[in-house]
Amino acid sequence: MASFLGRRVSPDVATHPDPATLAAVLGRIREEAGVRPEREVPAGVEVVRRRGTGADYLFLIDHTGQGAEIPADGVELLTGKPVVGSFTLPAGGVAVVREPVAGPGGE
């Protein structure tokens, strides 16, 4: 057992919380910091925006193996197909959607 502020604490408890506890703690930190997700998507779907001077690029990755419907407008660069309103990310799939540059406030 380790000691923390004079209390005996198991190293596993202090450094390796279970996934549900870690998700709750990180969710609270994110919420208190005012960080908002890029898009509202199911858990396990990764969405990252990269901003360029002429366009924004939305990188989508499905880690769930179930696929998802992602709000987007632009062109999916791996297929060249237009995206209007949403993009169907296939199970286990990846996509890059080029979108028009967002305004100064990100909207």
Protein backbone atom coordinates (compact mmCIF):
# COMPACT_ATOMS: atom_id res chain seq x y z
CA MET A 1 0.00 0.00 0.00
CA ALA A 2 1.14 3.51 -0.81
CA SER A 3 0.66 6.58 1.33
CA PHE A 4 -1.13 9.70 0.12
CA LEU A 5 -1.58 12.64 2.47
CA GLY A 6 -1.07 10.34 5.40
CA ARG A 7 -3.63 7.80 4.19
CA ARG A 8 -2.88 4.33 3.00
CA VAL A 9 -4.10 3.92 -0.58
CA SER A 10 -3.86 0.99 -2.96
CA PRO A 11 -1.77 2.00 -6.03
CA ASP A 12 -4.42 0.54 -8.34
CA VAL A 13 -7.15 2.69 -6.85
CA ALA A 14 -5.06 5.84 -7.00
CA THR A 15 -3.71 5.39 -10.52
CA HIS A 16 -5.92 2.97 -12.47
CA PRO A 17 -9.63 3.67 -12.12
CA ASP A 18 -12.05 1.34 -13.89
CA PRO A 19 -13.32 2.57 -17.29
CA ALA A 20 -16.68 3.79 -15.94
CA THR A 21 -15.03 5.85 -13.18
CA LEU A 22 -12.45 7.29 -15.57
CA ALA A 23 -15.20 8.23 -18.07
CA ALA A 24 -17.18 9.95 -15.30
CA VAL A 25 -14.16 11.93 -14.07
CA LEU A 26 -13.11 12.98 -17.57
CA GLY A 27 -16.71 13.89 -18.43
CA ARG A 28 -16.91 16.14 -15.40
CA ILE A 29 -13.58 17.81 -16.22
CA ARG A 30 -14.68 18.33 -19.84
CA GLU A 31 -18.01 19.79 -18.74
CA GLU A 32 -16.45 22.15 -16.17
CA ALA A 33 -13.91 23.33 -18.76
CA GLY A 34 -16.71 24.11 -21.22
CA VAL A 35 -15.33 21.75 -23.87
CA ARG A 36 -17.98 20.70 -26.37
CA PRO A 37 -17.77 17.75 -28.78
CA GLU A 38 -17.17 18.57 -32.44
CA ARG A 39 -20.33 16.65 -33.35
CA GLU A 40 -22.90 14.73 -31.32
CA VAL A 41 -22.08 11.14 -32.24
CA PRO A 42 -22.41 7.73 -30.59
CA ALA A 43 -19.75 6.67 -28.10
CA GLY A 44 -16.89 4.98 -29.91
CA VAL A 45 -17.07 7.20 -32.99
CA GLU A 46 -14.11 9.55 -33.24
CA VAL A 47 -14.59 12.96 -34.84
CA VAL A 48 -11.75 15.44 -35.28
CA ARG A 49 -11.87 18.75 -37.16
CA ARG A 50 -8.78 20.30 -38.68
CA ARG A 51 -9.14 23.85 -39.89
CA GLY A 52 -7.45 25.05 -43.04
CA THR A 53 -7.48 28.45 -44.74
CA GLY A 54 -9.66 27.26 -47.63
CA ALA A 55 -11.65 24.47 -46.00
CA ASP A 56 -12.21 22.49 -42.82
CA TYR A 57 -11.55 18.75 -42.72
CA LEU A 58 -13.67 16.42 -40.63
CA PHE A 59 -11.92 13.11 -39.86
CA LEU A 60 -14.33 10.32 -38.87
CA ILE A 61 -13.39 6.90 -37.45
CA ASP A 62 -15.79 4.20 -36.26
CA HIS A 63 -14.22 2.25 -33.38
CA THR A 64 -17.52 0.48 -32.55
CA GLY A 65 -17.87 -1.73 -35.60
CA GLN A 66 -21.48 -0.58 -35.90
CA GLY A 67 -21.22 2.51 -38.10
CA ALA A 68 -23.05 5.79 -37.53
CA GLU A 69 -24.85 8.67 -39.19
CA ILE A 70 -22.73 11.84 -38.78
CA PRO A 71 -24.02 15.38 -39.45
CA ALA A 72 -21.84 16.88 -42.20
CA ASP A 73 -21.90 18.92 -45.42
CA GLY A 74 -19.19 18.98 -48.07
CA VAL A 75 -17.27 16.34 -50.02
CA GLU A 76 -16.03 12.98 -48.71
CA LEU A 77 -12.46 12.98 -49.96
CA LEU A 78 -11.82 9.22 -50.07
CA THR A 79 -14.71 8.65 -52.51
CA GLY A 80 -15.18 12.15 -53.96
CA LYS A 81 -18.92 11.96 -53.25
CA PRO A 82 -20.88 15.02 -52.07
CA VAL A 83 -22.18 14.99 -48.49
CA VAL A 84 -25.45 16.84 -47.85
CA GLY A 85 -26.81 16.97 -44.30
CA SER A 86 -25.15 13.80 -43.05
CA PHE A 87 -22.65 11.08 -43.87
CA THR A 88 -23.17 7.37 -43.26
CA LEU A 89 -19.94 6.14 -41.69
CA PRO A 90 -19.75 2.39 -42.33
CA ALA A 91 -19.03 -0.15 -39.58
CA GLY A 92 -15.32 0.07 -38.77
CA GLY A 93 -14.98 2.74 -41.43
CA VAL A 94 -13.01 5.94 -41.82
CA ALA A 95 -13.81 9.08 -43.79
CA VAL A 96 -12.54 12.59 -44.39
CA VAL A 97 -15.14 15.22 -45.21
CA ARG A 98 -13.98 18.58 -46.60
CA GLU A 99 -16.43 21.22 -45.41
CA PRO A 100 -16.68 24.95 -46.10
CA VAL A 101 -14.66 27.04 -43.67
CA ALA A 102 -16.64 27.75 -40.50
CA GLY A 103 -17.12 31.34 -39.39
CA PRO A 104 -14.92 33.07 -36.76
CA GLY A 105 -16.92 31.60 -33.87
CA GLY A 106 -16.67 28.10 -35.31
CA GLU A 107 -20.27 28.16 -36.51
